[in-house]
């Protein structure tokens, strides 16, 4: 099963990208309705709960499934037993530093589940924390702007931290829409990581034995070479 890195955004028909994740979860379930554990984070549990019906509607609109929403907050981290019997793990979007702090306590349980064949999908923040190093935020490197300030997520200096380790690359999202390709290039050129995957909105990078692209936009890869950072992209 693959790791699905979704670059954010919303569309009325997400069957070609989020739907791929649900298809894999259904394969995992062996014919019964797949049980999806959908993990969300907000500043308070009550604030997050207002999105639950929309997430349920989005997933059930893509296919037959059972949804278990786990709402996280600063005082409620993800626990390993939250993932029991999951056929698919979906980590949602929002403030990446909040997701990083709340999800990392269950890192080993997520890795064990994925290694056993449970597909993982990260949407925006959920994708950014999936790498060996999580891109937590920031818009400057060494005091120099490398992307728009509004992409900093409350941080100024670019911040990398331990990630879930589901993919080797550092992952960025909203790439074309927020002008973030420069941030990935800066990470590689500075030697902070040898590989960055940056994903457009309404698009997923599907990482298995190779990286494939699904959806409406592009998946950008920035890799270190003797000539500096080399950029390539593939449209879905």
C-alpha atoms as a PDB file:
ATOM      1  CA  UNK A   1       0.000   0.000   0.000  1.00  0.00           C
ATOM      2  CA  UNK A   2       1.126   3.527  -0.787  1.00  0.00           C
ATOM      3  CA  UNK A   3       1.567   6.806   1.060  1.00  0.00           C
ATOM      4  CA  UNK A   4      -0.661   9.497  -0.458  1.00  0.00           C
ATOM      5  CA  UNK A   5       0.633  13.063  -0.089  1.00  0.00           C
ATOM      6  CA  UNK A   6      -2.231  15.434  -0.937  1.00  0.00           C
ATOM      7  CA  UNK A   7      -1.303  19.046  -1.626  1.00  0.00           C
ATOM      8  CA  UNK A   8      -4.418  20.648  -0.173  1.00  0.00           C
ATOM      9  CA  UNK A   9      -7.259  22.386  -1.980  1.00  0.00           C
ATOM     10  CA  UNK A  10     -10.832  21.274  -2.517  1.00  0.00           C
ATOM     11  CA  UNK A  11     -12.823  20.095  -5.518  1.00  0.00           C
ATOM     12  CA  UNK A  12     -16.327  18.719  -6.015  1.00  0.00           C
ATOM     13  CA  UNK A  13     -14.879  15.512  -7.479  1.00  0.00           C
ATOM     14  CA  UNK A  14     -11.759  14.223  -5.713  1.00  0.00           C
ATOM     15  CA  UNK A  15     -12.100  10.662  -6.957  1.00  0.00           C
ATOM     16  CA  UNK A  16      -8.847  10.704  -8.911  1.00  0.00           C
ATOM     17  CA  UNK A  17      -6.693  11.600  -5.900  1.00  0.00           C
ATOM     18  CA  UNK A  18      -8.380  11.173  -2.491  1.00  0.00           C
ATOM     19  CA  UNK A  19     -10.424   8.420  -4.110  1.00  0.00           C
ATOM     20  CA  UNK A  20      -7.231   6.466  -4.794  1.00  0.00           C
ATOM     21  CA  UNK A  21      -6.593   6.316  -1.046  1.00  0.00           C
ATOM     22  CA  UNK A  22     -10.117   5.052  -0.375  1.00  0.00           C
ATOM     23  CA  UNK A  23      -9.722   2.382  -3.069  1.00  0.00           C
ATOM     24  CA  UNK A  24      -6.588   1.072  -1.367  1.00  0.00           C
ATOM     25  CA  UNK A  25      -8.336   1.066   2.013  1.00  0.00           C
ATOM     26  CA  UNK A  26     -11.161  -0.978   0.471  1.00  0.00           C
ATOM     27  CA  UNK A  27      -8.636  -3.462  -0.886  1.00  0.00           C
ATOM     28  CA  UNK A  28      -7.163  -3.705   2.595  1.00  0.00           C
ATOM     29  CA  UNK A  29     -10.575  -4.393   4.148  1.00  0.00           C
ATOM     30  CA  UNK A  30     -11.168  -7.485   2.019  1.00  0.00           C
ATOM     31  CA  UNK A  31     -14.684  -6.709   0.829  1.00  0.00           C
ATOM     32  CA  UNK A  32     -16.293  -5.141   3.881  1.00  0.00           C
ATOM     33  CA  UNK A  33     -16.706  -1.378   4.269  1.00  0.00           C
ATOM     34  CA  UNK A  34     -13.220  -0.013   4.980  1.00  0.00           C
ATOM     35  CA  UNK A  35     -12.751   1.639   8.357  1.00  0.00           C
ATOM     36  CA  UNK A  36     -11.038   4.995   7.893  1.00  0.00           C
ATOM     37  CA  UNK A  37      -9.476   6.724  10.879  1.00  0.00           C
ATOM     38  CA  UNK A  38      -9.606  10.450  10.067  1.00  0.00           C
ATOM     39  CA  UNK A  39      -7.348  12.499  12.332  1.00  0.00           C
ATOM     40  CA  UNK A  40      -8.003  16.237  12.694  1.00  0.00           C
ATOM     41  CA  UNK A  41      -6.408  18.927  14.866  1.00  0.00           C
ATOM     42  CA  UNK A  42      -7.724  22.262  16.090  1.00  0.00           C
ATOM     43  CA  UNK A  43      -7.002  24.658  18.923  1.00  0.00           C
ATOM     44  CA  UNK A  44      -9.948  23.181  20.844  1.00  0.00           C
ATOM     45  CA  UNK A  45     -11.983  20.002  20.463  1.00  0.00           C
ATOM     46  CA  UNK A  46     -15.162  22.052  19.975  1.00  0.00           C
ATOM     47  CA  UNK A  47     -13.581  24.102  17.195  1.00  0.00           C
ATOM     48  CA  UNK A  48     -12.585  20.970  15.310  1.00  0.00           C
ATOM     49  CA  UNK A  49     -15.945  19.261  15.638  1.00  0.00           C
ATOM     50  CA  UNK A  50     -17.630  21.752  13.306  1.00  0.00           C
ATOM     51  CA  UNK A  51     -15.753  20.165  10.382  1.00  0.00           C
ATOM     52  CA  UNK A  52     -16.689  16.561  11.143  1.00  0.00           C
ATOM     53  CA  UNK A  53     -19.865  16.396   9.048  1.00  0.00           C
ATOM     54  CA  UNK A  54     -18.053  17.826   6.021  1.00  0.00           C
ATOM     55  CA  UNK A  55     -15.276  15.247   6.258  1.00  0.00           C
ATOM     56  CA  UNK A  56     -17.818  12.441   6.613  1.00  0.00           C
ATOM     57  CA  UNK A  57     -19.772  13.714   3.613  1.00  0.00           C
ATOM     58  CA  UNK A  58     -16.629  14.043   1.485  1.00  0.00           C
ATOM     59  CA  UNK A  59     -15.493  10.482   2.165  1.00  0.00           C
ATOM     60  CA  UNK A  60     -18.888   8.802   1.897  1.00  0.00           C
ATOM     61  CA  UNK A  61     -19.371  10.653  -1.386  1.00  0.00           C
ATOM     62  CA  UNK A  62     -16.277   8.883  -2.719  1.00  0.00           C
ATOM     63  CA  UNK A  63     -17.382   5.381  -1.811  1.00  0.00           C
ATOM     64  CA  UNK A  64     -18.639   2.986   0.824  1.00  0.00           C
ATOM     65  CA  UNK A  65     -16.712   3.370   4.102  1.00  0.00           C
ATOM     66  CA  UNK A  66     -16.958   3.718   7.855  1.00  0.00           C
ATOM     67  CA  UNK A  67     -15.504   6.911   9.294  1.00  0.00           C
ATOM     68  CA  UNK A  68     -13.948   7.219  12.743  1.00  0.00           C
ATOM     69  CA  UNK A  69     -12.917  10.832  13.371  1.00  0.00           C
ATOM     70  CA  UNK A  70     -10.263  11.406  16.016  1.00  0.00           C
ATOM     71  CA  UNK A  71     -10.229  15.063  17.036  1.00  0.00           C
ATOM     72  CA  UNK A  72      -6.932  16.308  18.438  1.00  0.00           C
ATOM     73  CA  UNK A  73      -6.137  19.505  20.331  1.00  0.00           C
ATOM     74  CA  UNK A  74      -3.121  20.828  22.257  1.00  0.00           C
ATOM     75  CA  UNK A  75      -4.178  18.788  25.293  1.00  0.00           C
ATOM     76  CA  UNK A  76      -5.310  15.739  23.313  1.00  0.00           C
ATOM     77  CA  UNK A  77      -2.544  14.017  21.298  1.00  0.00           C
ATOM     78  CA  UNK A  78      -3.008  11.031  19.013  1.00  0.00           C
ATOM     79  CA  UNK A  79      -2.812   7.723  20.872  1.00  0.00           C
ATOM     80  CA  UNK A  80      -1.781   4.370  19.371  1.00  0.00           C
ATOM     81  CA  UNK A  81      -5.121   2.809  20.294  1.00  0.00           C
ATOM     82  CA  UNK A  82      -6.884   5.450  18.178  1.00  0.00           C
ATOM     83  CA  UNK A  83      -5.612   3.545  15.139  1.00  0.00           C
ATOM     84  CA  UNK A  84      -6.850   0.093  16.137  1.00  0.00           C
ATOM     85  CA  UNK A  85      -8.404  -1.849  13.218  1.00  0.00           C
ATOM     86  CA  UNK A  86      -7.849   0.998  10.744  1.00  0.00           C
ATOM     87  CA  UNK A  87      -8.024   0.067   7.058  1.00  0.00           C
ATOM     88  CA  UNK A  88      -6.768   3.538   6.169  1.00  0.00           C
ATOM     89  CA  UNK A  89      -5.235   6.441   8.102  1.00  0.00           C
ATOM     90  CA  UNK A  90      -6.044   9.984   6.950  1.00  0.00           C
ATOM     91  CA  UNK A  91      -4.331  12.953   8.627  1.00  0.00           C
ATOM     92  CA  UNK A  92      -6.087  16.214   7.800  1.00  0.00           C
ATOM     93  CA  UNK A  93      -5.005  19.774   7.224  1.00  0.00           C
ATOM     94  CA  UNK A  94      -4.677  22.897   9.294  1.00  0.00           C
ATOM     95  CA  UNK A  95      -1.849  24.386  11.347  1.00  0.00           C
ATOM     96  CA  UNK A  96       1.171  22.176  10.738  1.00  0.00           C
ATOM     97  CA  UNK A  97       2.958  22.885  14.056  1.00  0.00           C
ATOM     98  CA  UNK A  98      -0.195  21.774  15.880  1.00  0.00           C
ATOM     99  CA  UNK A  99      -0.518  18.573  13.868  1.00  0.00           C
ATOM    100  CA  UNK A 100       3.177  17.823  14.298  1.00  0.00           C
ATOM    101  CA  UNK A 101       3.064  18.116  18.079  1.00  0.00           C
ATOM    102  CA  UNK A 102      -0.158  16.120  18.425  1.00  0.00           C
ATOM    103  CA  UNK A 103       0.488  13.315  15.910  1.00  0.00           C
ATOM    104  CA  UNK A 104       4.165  12.498  16.543  1.00  0.00           C
ATOM    105  CA  UNK A 105       3.455  10.707  19.868  1.00  0.00           C
ATOM    106  CA  UNK A 106       1.821   7.951  17.777  1.00  0.00           C
ATOM    107  CA  UNK A 107       4.635   7.847  15.210  1.00  0.00           C
ATOM    108  CA  UNK A 108       5.619   4.236  15.878  1.00  0.00           C
ATOM    109  CA  UNK A 109       2.017   3.024  15.691  1.00  0.00           C
ATOM    110  CA  UNK A 110       1.496   4.788  12.349  1.00  0.00           C
ATOM    111  CA  UNK A 111       4.709   3.352  10.938  1.00  0.00           C
ATOM    112  CA  UNK A 112       3.771  -0.149  12.112  1.00  0.00           C
ATOM    113  CA  UNK A 113       0.340   0.107  10.505  1.00  0.00           C
ATOM    114  CA  UNK A 114       1.717   1.370   7.190  1.00  0.00           C
ATOM    115  CA  UNK A 115       4.387  -1.335   7.167  1.00  0.00           C
ATOM    116  CA  UNK A 116       1.575  -3.883   7.614  1.00  0.00           C
ATOM    117  CA  UNK A 117      -0.198  -2.571   4.518  1.00  0.00           C
ATOM    118  CA  UNK A 118      -2.523   0.139   5.853  1.00  0.00           C
ATOM    119  CA  UNK A 119      -2.578   3.065   3.371  1.00  0.00           C
ATOM    120  CA  UNK A 120      -1.791   6.533   4.704  1.00  0.00           C
ATOM    121  CA  UNK A 121      -3.060   9.811   3.306  1.00  0.00           C
ATOM    122  CA  UNK A 122      -1.851  13.180   4.495  1.00  0.00           C
ATOM    123  CA  UNK A 123      -3.793  16.264   3.427  1.00  0.00           C
ATOM    124  CA  UNK A 124      -1.718  19.469   3.538  1.00  0.00           C
ATOM    125  CA  UNK A 125      -0.353  19.415   7.119  1.00  0.00           C
ATOM    126  CA  UNK A 126      -0.784  15.647   7.196  1.00  0.00           C
ATOM    127  CA  UNK A 127       1.489  15.430   4.159  1.00  0.00           C
ATOM    128  CA  UNK A 128       4.067  17.866   5.541  1.00  0.00           C
ATOM    129  CA  UNK A 129       4.673  15.743   8.643  1.00  0.00           C
ATOM    130  CA  UNK A 130       4.956  12.460   6.700  1.00  0.00           C
ATOM    131  CA  UNK A 131       8.636  12.718   5.756  1.00  0.00           C
ATOM    132  CA  UNK A 132      11.680  11.619   7.694  1.00  0.00           C
ATOM    133  CA  UNK A 133      11.935  15.318   8.443  1.00  0.00           C
ATOM    134  CA  UNK A 134       8.695  17.258   8.844  1.00  0.00           C
ATOM    135  CA  UNK A 135       8.496  20.720   7.313  1.00  0.00           C
ATOM    136  CA  UNK A 136       6.820  22.466  10.222  1.00  0.00           C
ATOM    137  CA  UNK A 137       6.771  25.956   8.676  1.00  0.00           C
ATOM    138  CA  UNK A 138       8.773  29.124   8.215  1.00  0.00           C
ATOM    139  CA  UNK A 139       9.348  31.492   5.297  1.00  0.00           C
ATOM    140  CA  UNK A 140      12.947  32.654   5.800  1.00  0.00           C
ATOM    141  CA  UNK A 141      16.249  30.814   5.738  1.00  0.00           C
ATOM    142  CA  UNK A 142      19.144  32.617   7.353  1.00  0.00           C
ATOM    143  CA  UNK A 143      17.031  35.760   7.446  1.00  0.00           C
ATOM    144  CA  UNK A 144      16.375  35.655   3.682  1.00  0.00           C
ATOM    145  CA  UNK A 145      12.839  35.179   2.378  1.00  0.00           C
ATOM    146  CA  UNK A 146      12.436  31.913   0.441  1.00  0.00           C
ATOM    147  CA  UNK A 147       8.644  31.957   0.037  1.00  0.00           C
ATOM    148  CA  UNK A 148       5.673  34.213   0.861  1.00  0.00           C
ATOM    149  CA  UNK A 149       5.374  35.110   4.532  1.00  0.00           C
ATOM    150  CA  UNK A 150       1.777  33.853   4.708  1.00  0.00           C
ATOM    151  CA  UNK A 151       3.095  30.312   4.214  1.00  0.00           C
ATOM    152  CA  UNK A 152       5.137  30.446   7.421  1.00  0.00           C
ATOM    153  CA  UNK A 153       2.393  29.016   9.687  1.00  0.00           C
ATOM    154  CA  UNK A 154       3.319  31.370  12.496  1.00  0.00           C
ATOM    155  CA  UNK A 155       7.055  30.696  12.140  1.00  0.00           C
ATOM    156  CA  UNK A 156       9.641  32.963  10.555  1.00  0.00           C
ATOM    157  CA  UNK A 157      12.780  30.842  10.197  1.00  0.00           C
ATOM    158  CA  UNK A 158      12.337  27.645   8.212  1.00  0.00           C
ATOM    159  CA  UNK A 159      11.814  24.794  10.647  1.00  0.00           C
ATOM    160  CA  UNK A 160      12.440  21.082  10.073  1.00  0.00           C
ATOM    161  CA  UNK A 161      11.845  18.504  12.807  1.00  0.00           C
ATOM    162  CA  UNK A 162      11.505  14.753  13.189  1.00  0.00           C
ATOM    163  CA  UNK A 163       8.681  13.490  10.999  1.00  0.00           C
ATOM    164  CA  UNK A 164       6.689  10.285  10.724  1.00  0.00           C
ATOM    165  CA  UNK A 165       9.327   8.752   8.461  1.00  0.00           C
ATOM    166  CA  UNK A 166       6.840   7.318   5.956  1.00  0.00           C
ATOM    167  CA  UNK A 167       8.766   8.791   3.008  1.00  0.00           C
ATOM    168  CA  UNK A 168      12.399   9.812   2.755  1.00  0.00           C
ATOM    169  CA  UNK A 169      11.718  13.231   1.243  1.00  0.00           C
ATOM    170  CA  UNK A 170      10.777  16.484   2.935  1.00  0.00           C
ATOM    171  CA  UNK A 171       7.209  17.248   1.801  1.00  0.00           C
ATOM    172  CA  UNK A 172       5.688  20.625   0.942  1.00  0.00           C
ATOM    173  CA  UNK A 173       2.152  21.392  -0.261  1.00  0.00           C
ATOM    174  CA  UNK A 174       0.097  24.143  -1.968  1.00  0.00           C
ATOM    175  CA  UNK A 175       3.180  24.472  -4.149  1.00  0.00           C
ATOM    176  CA  UNK A 176       2.092  26.375  -7.263  1.00  0.00           C
ATOM    177  CA  UNK A 177      -0.827  28.107  -5.563  1.00  0.00           C
ATOM    178  CA  UNK A 178       1.266  29.665  -2.770  1.00  0.00           C
ATOM    179  CA  UNK A 179       4.568  30.055  -4.611  1.00  0.00           C
ATOM    180  CA  UNK A 180       6.454  27.520  -2.505  1.00  0.00           C
ATOM    181  CA  UNK A 181       8.836  25.973  -5.023  1.00  0.00           C
ATOM    182  CA  UNK A 182      11.557  28.336  -3.807  1.00  0.00           C
ATOM    183  CA  UNK A 183      11.262  26.967  -0.285  1.00  0.00           C
ATOM    184  CA  UNK A 184      11.978  23.441  -1.510  1.00  0.00           C
ATOM    185  CA  UNK A 185      14.934  24.643  -3.567  1.00  0.00           C
ATOM    186  CA  UNK A 186      16.316  26.529  -0.567  1.00  0.00           C
ATOM    187  CA  UNK A 187      16.059  23.418   1.630  1.00  0.00           C
ATOM    188  CA  UNK A 188      18.065  21.347  -0.835  1.00  0.00           C
ATOM    189  CA  UNK A 189      20.616  24.037  -1.679  1.00  0.00           C
ATOM    190  CA  UNK A 190      21.277  24.638   2.020  1.00  0.00           C
ATOM    191  CA  UNK A 191      21.979  20.934   2.525  1.00  0.00           C
ATOM    192  CA  UNK A 192      19.090  20.514   4.965  1.00  0.00           C
ATOM    193  CA  UNK A 193      17.715  17.568   2.954  1.00  0.00           C
ATOM    194  CA  UNK A 194      18.702  15.889  -0.317  1.00  0.00           C
ATOM    195  CA  UNK A 195      15.145  15.495  -1.632  1.00  0.00           C
ATOM    196  CA  UNK A 196      11.943  17.547  -1.466  1.00  0.00           C
ATOM    197  CA  UNK A 197       8.540  16.596  -2.885  1.00  0.00           C
ATOM    198  CA  UNK A 198       6.264  19.619  -3.364  1.00  0.00           C
ATOM    199  CA  UNK A 199       2.638  18.991  -4.323  1.00  0.00           C
ATOM    200  CA  UNK A 200       0.098  21.307  -5.937  1.00  0.00           C
ATOM    201  CA  UNK A 201      -3.442  21.624  -4.658  1.00  0.00           C
ATOM    202  CA  UNK A 202      -6.028  19.080  -5.865  1.00  0.00           C
ATOM    203  CA  UNK A 203      -3.125  16.732  -6.522  1.00  0.00           C
ATOM    204  CA  UNK A 204      -1.466  13.834  -4.752  1.00  0.00           C
ATOM    205  CA  UNK A 205       2.009  12.380  -4.865  1.00  0.00           C
ATOM    206  CA  UNK A 206       1.571   8.647  -4.411  1.00  0.00           C
ATOM    207  CA  UNK A 207       4.747   7.164  -2.965  1.00  0.00           C
ATOM    208  CA  UNK A 208       5.254   3.423  -3.259  1.00  0.00           C
ATOM    209  CA  UNK A 209       8.206   1.882  -5.073  1.00  0.00           C
ATOM    210  CA  UNK A 210       8.202   5.117  -7.096  1.00  0.00           C
ATOM    211  CA  UNK A 211       6.450   8.486  -7.059  1.00  0.00           C
ATOM    212  CA  UNK A 212       3.356   8.842  -9.233  1.00  0.00           C
ATOM    213  CA  UNK A 213       1.009  11.782  -9.654  1.00  0.00           C
ATOM    214  CA  UNK A 214      -2.790  11.920  -9.497  1.00  0.00           C
ATOM    215  CA  UNK A 215      -5.208  14.825  -9.671  1.00  0.00           C
ATOM    216  CA  UNK A 216      -5.234  18.157 -11.482  1.00  0.00           C
ATOM    217  CA  UNK A 217      -1.839  19.724 -10.842  1.00  0.00           C
ATOM    218  CA  UNK A 218       1.836  18.870 -10.650  1.00  0.00           C
ATOM    219  CA  UNK A 219       4.145  17.074  -8.288  1.00  0.00           C
ATOM    220  CA  UNK A 220       7.532  18.776  -8.118  1.00  0.00           C
ATOM    221  CA  UNK A 221      10.708  17.024  -7.041  1.00  0.00           C
ATOM    222  CA  UNK A 222      13.837  18.884  -6.001  1.00  0.00           C
ATOM    223  CA  UNK A 223      16.955  16.781  -5.607  1.00  0.00           C
ATOM    224  CA  UNK A 224      20.518  17.531  -4.654  1.00  0.00           C
ATOM    225  CA  UNK A 225      23.203  17.087  -7.308  1.00  0.00           C
ATOM    226  CA  UNK A 226      26.770  18.174  -7.896  1.00  0.00           C
ATOM    227  CA  UNK A 227      25.316  21.133  -9.822  1.00  0.00           C
ATOM    228  CA  UNK A 228      23.038  22.217  -6.975  1.00  0.00           C
ATOM    229  CA  UNK A 229      19.290  21.686  -6.748  1.00  0.00           C
ATOM    230  CA  UNK A 230      17.714  19.968  -9.756  1.00  0.00           C
ATOM    231  CA  UNK A 231      13.980  20.519 -10.236  1.00  0.00           C
ATOM    232  CA  UNK A 232      11.600  18.277 -12.159  1.00  0.00           C
ATOM    233  CA  UNK A 233       7.832  18.067 -12.292  1.00  0.00           C
ATOM    234  CA  UNK A 234       5.127  15.717 -13.532  1.00  0.00           C
ATOM    235  CA  UNK A 235       1.537  16.647 -14.293  1.00  0.00           C
ATOM    236  CA  UNK A 236      -1.087  14.112 -13.326  1.00  0.00           C
END
